[in-house]
mmCIF file of all heavy atoms, coordinates in Angstrom:
data_MODEL
# 
_entry.id   MODEL 
# 
loop_
_atom_site.group_PDB 
_atom_site.id 
_atom_site.type_symbol 
_atom_site.label_atom_id 
_atom_site.label_alt_id 
_atom_site.label_comp_id 
_atom_site.label_asym_id 
_atom_site.label_entity_id 
_atom_site.label_seq_id 
_atom_site.pdbx_PDB_ins_code 
_atom_site.Cartn_x 
_atom_site.Cartn_y 
_atom_site.Cartn_z 
_atom_site.occupancy 
_atom_site.B_iso_or_equiv 
_atom_site.pdbx_formal_charge 
_atom_site.auth_seq_id 
_atom_site.auth_comp_id 
_atom_site.auth_asym_id 
_atom_site.auth_atom_id 
_atom_site.pdbx_PDB_model_num 
ATOM 1   N N   . LEU A 1 1  ? 12.805  -8.850  -13.899 1.00 0.00 ? 1  LEU A N   1 
ATOM 2   C CA  . LEU A 1 1  ? 12.087  -9.003  -12.637 1.00 0.00 ? 1  LEU A CA  1 
ATOM 3   C C   . LEU A 1 1  ? 11.846  -7.638  -12.005 1.00 0.00 ? 1  LEU A C   1 
ATOM 4   O O   . LEU A 1 1  ? 12.761  -6.828  -11.864 1.00 0.00 ? 1  LEU A O   1 
ATOM 5   C CB  . LEU A 1 1  ? 12.888  -9.886  -11.682 1.00 0.00 ? 1  LEU A CB  1 
ATOM 6   C CG  . LEU A 1 1  ? 13.034  -11.360 -12.095 1.00 0.00 ? 1  LEU A CG  1 
ATOM 7   C CD1 . LEU A 1 1  ? 13.925  -12.098 -11.110 1.00 0.00 ? 1  LEU A CD1 1 
ATOM 8   C CD2 . LEU A 1 1  ? 11.668  -12.028 -12.162 1.00 0.00 ? 1  LEU A CD2 1 
ATOM 9   N N   . VAL A 1 2  ? 10.597  -7.393  -11.628 1.00 0.00 ? 2  VAL A N   1 
ATOM 10  C CA  . VAL A 1 2  ? 10.207  -6.106  -11.046 1.00 0.00 ? 2  VAL A CA  1 
ATOM 11  C C   . VAL A 1 2  ? 9.666   -6.353  -9.640  1.00 0.00 ? 2  VAL A C   1 
ATOM 12  O O   . VAL A 1 2  ? 8.758   -7.178  -9.461  1.00 0.00 ? 2  VAL A O   1 
ATOM 13  C CB  . VAL A 1 2  ? 9.127   -5.416  -11.900 1.00 0.00 ? 2  VAL A CB  1 
ATOM 14  C CG1 . VAL A 1 2  ? 8.685   -4.113  -11.250 1.00 0.00 ? 2  VAL A CG1 1 
ATOM 15  C CG2 . VAL A 1 2  ? 9.639   -5.187  -13.311 1.00 0.00 ? 2  VAL A CG2 1 
ATOM 16  N N   . PRO A 1 3  ? 10.191  -5.661  -8.616  1.00 0.00 ? 3  PRO A N   1 
ATOM 17  C CA  . PRO A 1 3  ? 9.653   -5.839  -7.257  1.00 0.00 ? 3  PRO A CA  1 
ATOM 18  C C   . PRO A 1 3  ? 8.301   -5.143  -7.112  1.00 0.00 ? 3  PRO A C   1 
ATOM 19  O O   . PRO A 1 3  ? 8.140   -3.997  -7.554  1.00 0.00 ? 3  PRO A O   1 
ATOM 20  C CB  . PRO A 1 3  ? 10.711  -5.190  -6.367  1.00 0.00 ? 3  PRO A CB  1 
ATOM 21  C CG  . PRO A 1 3  ? 11.379  -4.187  -7.240  1.00 0.00 ? 3  PRO A CG  1 
ATOM 22  C CD  . PRO A 1 3  ? 11.350  -4.750  -8.630  1.00 0.00 ? 3  PRO A CD  1 
ATOM 23  N N   . GLU A 1 4  ? 7.341   -5.840  -6.530  1.00 0.00 ? 4  GLU A N   1 
ATOM 24  C CA  . GLU A 1 4  ? 6.019   -5.269  -6.316  1.00 0.00 ? 4  GLU A CA  1 
ATOM 25  C C   . GLU A 1 4  ? 5.520   -5.614  -4.921  1.00 0.00 ? 4  GLU A C   1 
ATOM 26  O O   . GLU A 1 4  ? 5.795   -6.704  -4.402  1.00 0.00 ? 4  GLU A O   1 
ATOM 27  C CB  . GLU A 1 4  ? 5.010   -5.792  -7.343  1.00 0.00 ? 4  GLU A CB  1 
ATOM 28  C CG  . GLU A 1 4  ? 5.267   -5.333  -8.762  1.00 0.00 ? 4  GLU A CG  1 
ATOM 29  C CD  . GLU A 1 4  ? 4.189   -5.822  -9.718  1.00 0.00 ? 4  GLU A CD  1 
ATOM 30  O OE1 . GLU A 1 4  ? 3.176   -6.388  -9.241  1.00 0.00 ? 4  GLU A OE1 1 
ATOM 31  O OE2 . GLU A 1 4  ? 4.359   -5.656  -10.943 1.00 0.00 ? 4  GLU A OE2 1 
ATOM 32  N N   . LEU A 1 5  ? 4.775   -4.669  -4.334  1.00 0.00 ? 5  LEU A N   1 
ATOM 33  C CA  . LEU A 1 5  ? 4.140   -4.906  -3.039  1.00 0.00 ? 5  LEU A CA  1 
ATOM 34  C C   . LEU A 1 5  ? 2.720   -5.399  -3.263  1.00 0.00 ? 5  LEU A C   1 
ATOM 35  O O   . LEU A 1 5  ? 1.919   -4.744  -3.930  1.00 0.00 ? 5  LEU A O   1 
ATOM 36  C CB  . LEU A 1 5  ? 4.106   -3.619  -2.210  1.00 0.00 ? 5  LEU A CB  1 
ATOM 37  C CG  . LEU A 1 5  ? 5.439   -3.051  -1.730  1.00 0.00 ? 5  LEU A CG  1 
ATOM 38  C CD1 . LEU A 1 5  ? 5.195   -1.811  -0.882  1.00 0.00 ? 5  LEU A CD1 1 
ATOM 39  C CD2 . LEU A 1 5  ? 6.207   -4.090  -0.933  1.00 0.00 ? 5  LEU A CD2 1 
ATOM 40  N N   . PHE A 1 6  ? 2.418   -6.562  -2.693  1.00 0.00 ? 6  PHE A N   1 
ATOM 41  C CA  . PHE A 1 6  ? 1.058   -7.111  -2.714  1.00 0.00 ? 6  PHE A CA  1 
ATOM 42  C C   . PHE A 1 6  ? 0.436   -6.782  -1.353  1.00 0.00 ? 6  PHE A C   1 
ATOM 43  O O   . PHE A 1 6  ? 0.844   -7.346  -0.333  1.00 0.00 ? 6  PHE A O   1 
ATOM 44  C CB  . PHE A 1 6  ? 1.075   -8.623  -2.951  1.00 0.00 ? 6  PHE A CB  1 
ATOM 45  C CG  . PHE A 1 6  ? 1.467   -9.024  -4.346  1.00 0.00 ? 6  PHE A CG  1 
ATOM 46  C CD1 . PHE A 1 6  ? 2.715   -8.714  -4.864  1.00 0.00 ? 6  PHE A CD1 1 
ATOM 47  C CD2 . PHE A 1 6  ? 0.580   -9.731  -5.143  1.00 0.00 ? 6  PHE A CD2 1 
ATOM 48  C CE1 . PHE A 1 6  ? 3.085   -9.095  -6.148  1.00 0.00 ? 6  PHE A CE1 1 
ATOM 49  C CE2 . PHE A 1 6  ? 0.929   -10.126 -6.428  1.00 0.00 ? 6  PHE A CE2 1 
ATOM 50  C CZ  . PHE A 1 6  ? 2.182   -9.798  -6.939  1.00 0.00 ? 6  PHE A CZ  1 
ATOM 51  N N   . ILE A 1 7  ? -0.538  -5.888  -1.343  1.00 0.00 ? 7  ILE A N   1 
ATOM 52  C CA  . ILE A 1 7  ? -1.134  -5.408  -0.092  1.00 0.00 ? 7  ILE A CA  1 
ATOM 53  C C   . ILE A 1 7  ? -2.569  -5.907  -0.001  1.00 0.00 ? 7  ILE A C   1 
ATOM 54  O O   . ILE A 1 7  ? -3.337  -5.816  -0.964  1.00 0.00 ? 7  ILE A O   1 
ATOM 55  C CB  . ILE A 1 7  ? -1.107  -3.871  -0.025  1.00 0.00 ? 7  ILE A CB  1 
ATOM 56  C CG1 . ILE A 1 7  ? 0.344   -3.376  -0.103  1.00 0.00 ? 7  ILE A CG1 1 
ATOM 57  C CG2 . ILE A 1 7  ? -1.779  -3.367  1.245   1.00 0.00 ? 7  ILE A CG2 1 
ATOM 58  C CD1 . ILE A 1 7  ? 0.470   -1.870  -0.180  1.00 0.00 ? 7  ILE A CD1 1 
ATOM 59  N N   . ALA A 1 8  ? -2.940  -6.442  1.155   1.00 0.00 ? 8  ALA A N   1 
ATOM 60  C CA  . ALA A 1 8  ? -4.307  -6.933  1.387   1.00 0.00 ? 8  ALA A CA  1 
ATOM 61  C C   . ALA A 1 8  ? -4.823  -6.365  2.711   1.00 0.00 ? 8  ALA A C   1 
ATOM 62  O O   . ALA A 1 8  ? -4.060  -6.148  3.646   1.00 0.00 ? 8  ALA A O   1 
ATOM 63  C CB  . ALA A 1 8  ? -4.336  -8.458  1.415   1.00 0.00 ? 8  ALA A CB  1 
ATOM 64  N N   . PHE A 1 9  ? -6.124  -6.149  2.786   1.00 0.00 ? 9  PHE A N   1 
ATOM 65  C CA  . PHE A 1 9  ? -6.745  -5.635  4.015   1.00 0.00 ? 9  PHE A CA  1 
ATOM 66  C C   . PHE A 1 9  ? -8.253  -5.843  3.946   1.00 0.00 ? 9  PHE A C   1 
ATOM 67  O O   . PHE A 1 9  ? -8.813  -6.086  2.877   1.00 0.00 ? 9  PHE A O   1 
ATOM 68  C CB  . PHE A 1 9  ? -6.418  -4.151  4.215   1.00 0.00 ? 9  PHE A CB  1 
ATOM 69  C CG  . PHE A 1 9  ? -6.813  -3.271  3.064   1.00 0.00 ? 9  PHE A CG  1 
ATOM 70  C CD1 . PHE A 1 9  ? -8.064  -2.664  3.008   1.00 0.00 ? 9  PHE A CD1 1 
ATOM 71  C CD2 . PHE A 1 9  ? -5.931  -3.048  2.007   1.00 0.00 ? 9  PHE A CD2 1 
ATOM 72  C CE1 . PHE A 1 9  ? -8.423  -1.848  1.941   1.00 0.00 ? 9  PHE A CE1 1 
ATOM 73  C CE2 . PHE A 1 9  ? -6.284  -2.247  0.933   1.00 0.00 ? 9  PHE A CE2 1 
ATOM 74  C CZ  . PHE A 1 9  ? -7.530  -1.644  0.893   1.00 0.00 ? 9  PHE A CZ  1 
ATOM 75  N N   . GLN A 1 10 ? -8.877  -5.754  5.099   1.00 0.00 ? 10 GLN A N   1 
ATOM 76  C CA  . GLN A 1 10 ? -10.333 -5.802  5.179   1.00 0.00 ? 10 GLN A CA  1 
ATOM 77  C C   . GLN A 1 10 ? -10.854 -4.439  5.598   1.00 0.00 ? 10 GLN A C   1 
ATOM 78  O O   . GLN A 1 10 ? -10.186 -3.708  6.328   1.00 0.00 ? 10 GLN A O   1 
ATOM 79  C CB  . GLN A 1 10 ? -10.802 -6.864  6.173   1.00 0.00 ? 10 GLN A CB  1 
ATOM 80  C CG  . GLN A 1 10 ? -10.623 -8.289  5.705   1.00 0.00 ? 10 GLN A CG  1 
ATOM 81  C CD  . GLN A 1 10 ? -11.250 -9.295  6.658   1.00 0.00 ? 10 GLN A CD  1 
ATOM 82  O OE1 . GLN A 1 10 ? -12.139 -8.958  7.442   1.00 0.00 ? 10 GLN A OE1 1 
ATOM 83  N NE2 . GLN A 1 10 ? -10.791 -10.536 6.594   1.00 0.00 ? 10 GLN A NE2 1 
ATOM 84  N N   . VAL A 1 11 ? -12.048 -4.120  5.162   1.00 0.00 ? 11 VAL A N   1 
ATOM 85  C CA  . VAL A 1 11 ? -12.731 -2.900  5.597   1.00 0.00 ? 11 VAL A CA  1 
ATOM 86  C C   . VAL A 1 11 ? -13.967 -3.330  6.378   1.00 0.00 ? 11 VAL A C   1 
ATOM 87  O O   . VAL A 1 11 ? -14.847 -4.016  5.844   1.00 0.00 ? 11 VAL A O   1 
ATOM 88  C CB  . VAL A 1 11 ? -13.131 -2.023  4.392   1.00 0.00 ? 11 VAL A CB  1 
ATOM 89  C CG1 . VAL A 1 11 ? -13.819 -0.751  4.869   1.00 0.00 ? 11 VAL A CG1 1 
ATOM 90  C CG2 . VAL A 1 11 ? -11.905 -1.689  3.562   1.00 0.00 ? 11 VAL A CG2 1 
ATOM 91  N N   . SER A 1 12 ? -14.010 -2.943  7.646   1.00 0.00 ? 12 SER A N   1 
ATOM 92  C CA  . SER A 1 12 ? -15.070 -3.382  8.557   1.00 0.00 ? 12 SER A CA  1 
ATOM 93  C C   . SER A 1 12 ? -15.914 -2.196  9.006   1.00 0.00 ? 12 SER A C   1 
ATOM 94  O O   . SER A 1 12 ? -15.385 -1.090  9.195   1.00 0.00 ? 12 SER A O   1 
ATOM 95  C CB  . SER A 1 12 ? -14.442 -4.066  9.785   1.00 0.00 ? 12 SER A CB  1 
ATOM 96  O OG  . SER A 1 12 ? -15.389 -4.204  10.831  1.00 0.00 ? 12 SER A OG  1 
ATOM 97  N N   . PRO A 1 13 ? -17.225 -2.410  9.225   1.00 0.00 ? 13 PRO A N   1 
ATOM 98  C CA  . PRO A 1 13 ? -18.085 -1.318  9.706   1.00 0.00 ? 13 PRO A CA  1 
ATOM 99  C C   . PRO A 1 13 ? -18.078 -1.182  11.222  1.00 0.00 ? 13 PRO A C   1 
ATOM 100 O O   . PRO A 1 13 ? -18.869 -0.417  11.775  1.00 0.00 ? 13 PRO A O   1 
ATOM 101 C CB  . PRO A 1 13 ? -19.473 -1.745  9.208   1.00 0.00 ? 13 PRO A CB  1 
ATOM 102 C CG  . PRO A 1 13 ? -19.423 -3.236  9.253   1.00 0.00 ? 13 PRO A CG  1 
ATOM 103 C CD  . PRO A 1 13 ? -18.003 -3.617  8.895   1.00 0.00 ? 13 PRO A CD  1 
ATOM 104 N N   . PHE A 1 14 ? -17.188 -1.915  11.888  1.00 0.00 ? 14 PHE A N   1 
ATOM 105 C CA  . PHE A 1 14 ? -17.213 -1.935  13.354  1.00 0.00 ? 14 PHE A CA  1 
ATOM 106 C C   . PHE A 1 14 ? -15.952 -1.318  13.946  1.00 0.00 ? 14 PHE A C   1 
ATOM 107 O O   . PHE A 1 14 ? -15.198 -1.963  14.672  1.00 0.00 ? 14 PHE A O   1 
ATOM 108 C CB  . PHE A 1 14 ? -17.395 -3.367  13.857  1.00 0.00 ? 14 PHE A CB  1 
ATOM 109 C CG  . PHE A 1 14 ? -18.647 -4.024  13.344  1.00 0.00 ? 14 PHE A CG  1 
ATOM 110 C CD1 . PHE A 1 14 ? -18.588 -5.160  12.548  1.00 0.00 ? 14 PHE A CD1 1 
ATOM 111 C CD2 . PHE A 1 14 ? -19.889 -3.488  13.626  1.00 0.00 ? 14 PHE A CD2 1 
ATOM 112 C CE1 . PHE A 1 14 ? -19.738 -5.756  12.054  1.00 0.00 ? 14 PHE A CE1 1 
ATOM 113 C CE2 . PHE A 1 14 ? -21.049 -4.074  13.146  1.00 0.00 ? 14 PHE A CE2 1 
ATOM 114 C CZ  . PHE A 1 14 ? -20.981 -5.206  12.357  1.00 0.00 ? 14 PHE A CZ  1 
ATOM 115 N N   . ALA A 1 15 ? -15.720 -0.042  13.619  1.00 0.00 ? 15 ALA A N   1 
ATOM 116 C CA  . ALA A 1 15 ? -14.657 0.702   14.281  1.00 0.00 ? 15 ALA A CA  1 
ATOM 117 C C   . ALA A 1 15 ? -15.032 0.873   15.754  1.00 0.00 ? 15 ALA A C   1 
ATOM 118 O O   . ALA A 1 15 ? -16.193 0.679   16.132  1.00 0.00 ? 15 ALA A O   1 
ATOM 119 C CB  . ALA A 1 15 ? -14.478 2.054   13.598  1.00 0.00 ? 15 ALA A CB  1 
ATOM 120 N N   . PRO A 1 16 ? -14.068 1.214   16.625  1.00 0.00 ? 16 PRO A N   1 
ATOM 121 C CA  . PRO A 1 16 ? -14.361 1.288   18.061  1.00 0.00 ? 16 PRO A CA  1 
ATOM 122 C C   . PRO A 1 16 ? -15.587 2.123   18.431  1.00 0.00 ? 16 PRO A C   1 
ATOM 123 O O   . PRO A 1 16 ? -16.253 1.832   19.420  1.00 0.00 ? 16 PRO A O   1 
ATOM 124 C CB  . PRO A 1 16 ? -13.074 1.902   18.630  1.00 0.00 ? 16 PRO A CB  1 
ATOM 125 C CG  . PRO A 1 16 ? -12.003 1.427   17.697  1.00 0.00 ? 16 PRO A CG  1 
ATOM 126 C CD  . PRO A 1 16 ? -12.635 1.422   16.337  1.00 0.00 ? 16 PRO A CD  1 
ATOM 127 N N   . GLN A 1 17 ? -15.909 3.152   17.644  1.00 0.00 ? 17 GLN A N   1 
ATOM 128 C CA  . GLN A 1 17 ? -17.026 4.030   17.998  1.00 0.00 ? 17 GLN A CA  1 
ATOM 129 C C   . GLN A 1 17 ? -18.336 3.632   17.334  1.00 0.00 ? 17 GLN A C   1 
ATOM 130 O O   . GLN A 1 17 ? -19.317 4.366   17.404  1.00 0.00 ? 17 GLN A O   1 
ATOM 131 C CB  . GLN A 1 17 ? -16.693 5.485   17.621  1.00 0.00 ? 17 GLN A CB  1 
ATOM 132 C CG  . GLN A 1 17 ? -16.734 5.774   16.117  1.00 0.00 ? 17 GLN A CG  1 
ATOM 133 C CD  . GLN A 1 17 ? -15.446 5.423   15.402  1.00 0.00 ? 17 GLN A CD  1 
ATOM 134 O OE1 . GLN A 1 17 ? -14.653 4.634   15.890  1.00 0.00 ? 17 GLN A OE1 1 
ATOM 135 N NE2 . GLN A 1 17 ? -15.233 6.016   14.234  1.00 0.00 ? 17 GLN A NE2 1 
ATOM 136 N N   . TRP A 1 18 ? -18.397 2.447   16.715  1.00 0.00 ? 18 TRP A N   1 
ATOM 137 C CA  . TRP A 1 18 ? -19.579 2.113   15.916  1.00 0.00 ? 18 TRP A CA  1 
ATOM 138 C C   . TRP A 1 18 ? -20.842 1.989   16.755  1.00 0.00 ? 18 TRP A C   1 
ATOM 139 O O   . TRP A 1 18 ? -21.938 2.342   16.308  1.00 0.00 ? 18 TRP A O   1 
ATOM 140 C CB  . TRP A 1 18 ? -19.345 0.828   15.120  1.00 0.00 ? 18 TRP A CB  1 
ATOM 141 C CG  . TRP A 1 18 ? -19.513 -0.441  15.900  1.00 0.00 ? 18 TRP A CG  1 
ATOM 142 C CD1 . TRP A 1 18 ? -18.565 -1.092  16.618  1.00 0.00 ? 18 TRP A CD1 1 
ATOM 143 C CD2 . TRP A 1 18 ? -20.712 -1.230  16.042  1.00 0.00 ? 18 TRP A CD2 1 
ATOM 144 N NE1 . TRP A 1 18 ? -19.072 -2.223  17.196  1.00 0.00 ? 18 TRP A NE1 1 
ATOM 145 C CE2 . TRP A 1 18 ? -20.395 -2.324  16.861  1.00 0.00 ? 18 TRP A CE2 1 
ATOM 146 C CE3 . TRP A 1 18 ? -22.017 -1.099  15.564  1.00 0.00 ? 18 TRP A CE3 1 
ATOM 147 C CZ2 . TRP A 1 18 ? -21.338 -3.283  17.216  1.00 0.00 ? 18 TRP A CZ2 1 
ATOM 148 C CZ3 . TRP A 1 18 ? -22.957 -2.066  15.916  1.00 0.00 ? 18 TRP A CZ3 1 
ATOM 149 C CH2 . TRP A 1 18 ? -22.609 -3.135  16.728  1.00 0.00 ? 18 TRP A CH2 1 
ATOM 150 N N   . LYS A 1 19 ? -20.731 1.502   17.998  1.00 0.00 ? 19 LYS A N   1 
ATOM 151 C CA  . LYS A 1 19 ? -21.942 1.299   18.818  1.00 0.00 ? 19 LYS A CA  1 
ATOM 152 C C   . LYS A 1 19 ? -22.618 2.616   19.157  1.00 0.00 ? 19 LYS A C   1 
ATOM 153 O O   . LYS A 1 19 ? -23.845 2.720   19.136  1.00 0.00 ? 19 LYS A O   1 
ATOM 154 C CB  . LYS A 1 19 ? -21.582 0.534   20.088  1.00 0.00 ? 19 LYS A CB  1 
ATOM 155 C CG  . LYS A 1 19 ? -21.321 -0.942  19.858  1.00 0.00 ? 19 LYS A CG  1 
ATOM 156 C CD  . LYS A 1 19 ? -21.184 -1.706  21.159  1.00 0.00 ? 19 LYS A CD  1 
ATOM 157 C CE  . LYS A 1 19 ? -21.010 -3.196  20.904  1.00 0.00 ? 19 LYS A CE  1 
ATOM 158 N NZ  . LYS A 1 19 ? -20.884 -3.962  22.162  1.00 0.00 ? 19 LYS A NZ  1 
ATOM 159 N N   . SER A 1 20 ? -21.837 3.641   19.484  1.00 0.00 ? 20 SER A N   1 
ATOM 160 C CA  . SER A 1 20 ? -22.436 4.936   19.822  1.00 0.00 ? 20 SER A CA  1 
ATOM 161 C C   . SER A 1 20 ? -23.122 5.536   18.604  1.00 0.00 ? 20 SER A C   1 
ATOM 162 O O   . SER A 1 20 ? -24.193 6.143   18.705  1.00 0.00 ? 20 SER A O   1 
ATOM 163 C CB  . SER A 1 20 ? -21.370 5.891   20.351  1.00 0.00 ? 20 SER A CB  1 
ATOM 164 O OG  . SER A 1 20 ? -20.344 6.086   19.387  1.00 0.00 ? 20 SER A OG  1 
ATOM 165 N N   . ALA A 1 21 ? -22.530 5.358   17.428  1.00 0.00 ? 21 ALA A N   1 
ATOM 166 C CA  . ALA A 1 21 ? -23.160 5.854   16.206  1.00 0.00 ? 21 ALA A CA  1 
ATOM 167 C C   . ALA A 1 21 ? -24.421 5.063   15.886  1.00 0.00 ? 21 ALA A C   1 
ATOM 168 O O   . ALA A 1 21 ? -25.409 5.603   15.379  1.00 0.00 ? 21 ALA A O   1 
ATOM 169 C CB  . ALA A 1 21 ? -22.178 5.776   15.043  1.00 0.00 ? 21 ALA A CB  1 
ATOM 170 N N   . CYS A 1 22 ? -24.388 3.772   16.204  1.00 0.00 ? 22 CYS A N   1 
ATOM 171 C CA  . CYS A 1 22 ? -25.529 2.904   15.904  1.00 0.00 ? 22 CYS A CA  1 
ATOM 172 C C   . CYS A 1 22 ? -26.705 3.198   16.838  1.00 0.00 ? 22 CYS A C   1 
ATOM 173 O O   . CYS A 1 22 ? -27.859 3.014   16.466  1.00 0.00 ? 22 CYS A O   1 
ATOM 174 C CB  . CYS A 1 22 ? -25.110 1.444   16.032  1.00 0.00 ? 22 CYS A CB  1 
ATOM 175 S SG  . CYS A 1 22 ? -26.146 0.301   15.109  1.00 0.00 ? 22 CYS A SG  1 
ATOM 176 N N   . ASN A 1 23 ? -26.420 3.655   18.052  1.00 0.00 ? 23 ASN A N   1 
ATOM 177 C CA  . ASN A 1 23 ? -27.494 3.941   19.008  1.00 0.00 ? 23 ASN A CA  1 
ATOM 178 C C   . ASN A 1 23 ? -28.412 5.050   18.530  1.00 0.00 ? 23 ASN A C   1 
ATOM 179 O O   . ASN A 1 23 ? -29.573 5.132   18.937  1.00 0.00 ? 23 ASN A O   1 
ATOM 180 C CB  . ASN A 1 23 ? -26.892 4.315   20.368  1.00 0.00 ? 23 ASN A CB  1 
ATOM 181 C CG  . ASN A 1 23 ? -26.270 3.113   21.066  1.00 0.00 ? 23 ASN A CG  1 
ATOM 182 O OD1 . ASN A 1 23 ? -26.627 1.976   20.781  1.00 0.00 ? 23 ASN A OD1 1 
ATOM 183 N ND2 . ASN A 1 23 ? -25.352 3.368   21.973  1.00 0.00 ? 23 ASN A ND2 1 
ATOM 184 N N   . ASP A 1 24 ? -27.893 5.925   17.678  1.00 0.00 ? 24 ASP A N   1 
ATOM 185 C CA  . ASP A 1 24 ? -28.702 7.034   17.169  1.00 0.00 ? 24 ASP A CA  1 
ATOM 186 C C   . ASP A 1 24 ? -29.517 6.642   15.941  1.00 0.00 ? 24 ASP A C   1 
ATOM 187 O O   . ASP A 1 24 ? -30.326 7.438   15.455  1.00 0.00 ? 24 ASP A O   1 
ATOM 188 C CB  . ASP A 1 24 ? -27.795 8.220   16.806  1.00 0.00 ? 24 ASP A CB  1 
ATOM 189 C CG  . ASP A 1 24 ? -27.045 8.746   18.032  1.00 0.00 ? 24 ASP A CG  1 
ATOM 190 O OD1 . ASP A 1 24 ? -27.589 8.636   19.140  1.00 0.00 ? 24 ASP A OD1 1 
ATOM 191 O OD2 . ASP A 1 24 ? -25.917 9.251   17.861  1.00 0.00 ? 24 ASP A OD2 1 
ATOM 192 N N   . ALA A 1 25 ? -29.301 5.441   15.429  1.00 0.00 ? 25 ALA A N   1 
ATOM 193 C CA  . ALA A 1 25 ? -29.989 4.998   14.216  1.00 0.00 ? 25 ALA A CA  1 
ATOM 194 C C   . ALA A 1 25 ? -31.236 4.202   14.564  1.00 0.00 ? 25 ALA A C   1 
ATOM 195 O O   . ALA A 1 25 ? -31.278 3.476   15.562  1.00 0.00 ? 25 ALA A O   1 
ATOM 196 C CB  . ALA A 1 25 ? -29.057 4.156   13.351  1.00 0.00 ? 25 ALA A CB  1 
ATOM 197 N N   . ILE A 1 26 ? -32.262 4.320   13.729  1.00 0.00 ? 26 ILE A N   1 
ATOM 198 C CA  . ILE A 1 26 ? -33.495 3.565   13.946  1.00 0.00 ? 26 ILE A CA  1 
ATOM 199 C C   . ILE A 1 26 ? -33.247 2.088   13.669  1.00 0.00 ? 26 ILE A C   1 
ATOM 200 O O   . ILE A 1 26 ? -33.702 1.217   14.412  1.00 0.00 ? 26 ILE A O   1 
ATOM 201 C CB  . ILE A 1 26 ? -34.616 4.109   13.037  1.00 0.00 ? 26 ILE A CB  1 
ATOM 202 C CG1 . ILE A 1 26 ? -34.924 5.574   13.401  1.00 0.00 ? 26 ILE A CG1 1 
ATOM 203 C CG2 . ILE A 1 26 ? -35.877 3.247   13.147  1.00 0.00 ? 26 ILE A CG2 1 
ATOM 204 C CD1 . ILE A 1 26 ? -35.948 6.225   12.491  1.00 0.00 ? 26 ILE A CD1 1 
ATOM 205 N N   . ASP A 1 27 ? -32.542 1.786   12.621  1.00 0.00 ? 27 ASP A N   1 
ATOM 206 C CA  . ASP A 1 27 ? -32.237 0.405   12.249  1.00 0.00 ? 27 ASP A CA  1 
ATOM 207 C C   . ASP A 1 27 ? -30.724 0.249   12.194  1.00 0.00 ? 27 ASP A C   1 
ATOM 208 O O   . ASP A 1 27 ? -30.079 0.717   11.264  1.00 0.00 ? 27 ASP A O   1 
ATOM 209 C CB  . ASP A 1 27 ? -32.862 0.071   10.888  1.00 0.00 ? 27 ASP A CB  1 
ATOM 210 C CG  . ASP A 1 27 ? -32.809 -1.418  10.585  1.00 0.00 ? 27 ASP A CG  1 
ATOM 211 O OD1 . ASP A 1 27 ? -31.754 -2.033  10.841  1.00 0.00 ? 27 ASP A OD1 1 
ATOM 212 O OD2 . ASP A 1 27 ? -33.813 -1.971  10.095  1.00 0.00 ? 27 ASP A OD2 1 
ATOM 213 N N   . CYS A 1 28 ? -30.166 -0.422  13.196  1.00 0.00 ? 28 CYS A N   1 
ATOM 214 C CA  . CYS A 1 28 ? -28.716 -0.533  13.315  1.00 0.00 ? 28 CYS A CA  1 
ATOM 215 C C   . CYS A 1 28 ? -28.121 -1.313  12.140  1.00 0.00 ? 28 CYS A C   1 
ATOM 216 O O   . CYS A 1 28 ? -27.063 -0.941  11.618  1.00 0.00 ? 28 CYS A O   1 
ATOM 217 C CB  . CYS A 1 28 ? -28.364 -1.213  14.634  1.00 0.00 ? 28 CYS A CB  1 
ATOM 218 S SG  . CYS A 1 28 ? -26.596 -1.243  14.989  1.00 0.00 ? 28 CYS A SG  1 
ATOM 219 N N   . GLU A 1 29 ? -28.765 -2.389  11.730  1.00 0.00 ? 29 GLU A N   1 
ATOM 220 C CA  . GLU A 1 29 ? -28.237 -3.196  10.620  1.00 0.00 ? 29 GLU A CA  1 
ATOM 221 C C   . GLU A 1 29 ? -28.168 -2.379  9.338   1.00 0.00 ? 29 GLU A C   1 
ATOM 222 O O   . GLU A 1 29 ? -27.140 -2.390  8.646   1.00 0.00 ? 29 GLU A O   1 
ATOM 223 C CB  . GLU A 1 29 ? -29.135 -4.415  10.385  1.00 0.00 ? 29 GLU A CB  1 
ATOM 224 C CG  . GLU A 1 29 ? -29.189 -5.391  11.539  1.00 0.00 ? 29 GLU A CG  1 
ATOM 225 C CD  . GLU A 1 29 ? -30.298 -6.390  11.327  1.00 0.00 ? 29 GLU A CD  1 
ATOM 226 O OE1 . GLU A 1 29 ? -30.359 -6.988  10.239  1.00 0.00 ? 29 GLU A OE1 1 
ATOM 227 O OE2 . GLU A 1 29 ? -31.116 -6.576  12.235  1.00 0.00 ? 29 GLU A OE2 1 
# 
């Protein structure tokens, strides 16, 4: 028996500063 860490996470494009970065873009999507 071998101990292993099962790690899960999501990667999202909406970090706290995303709106300010999106305001400078022509197409936010």
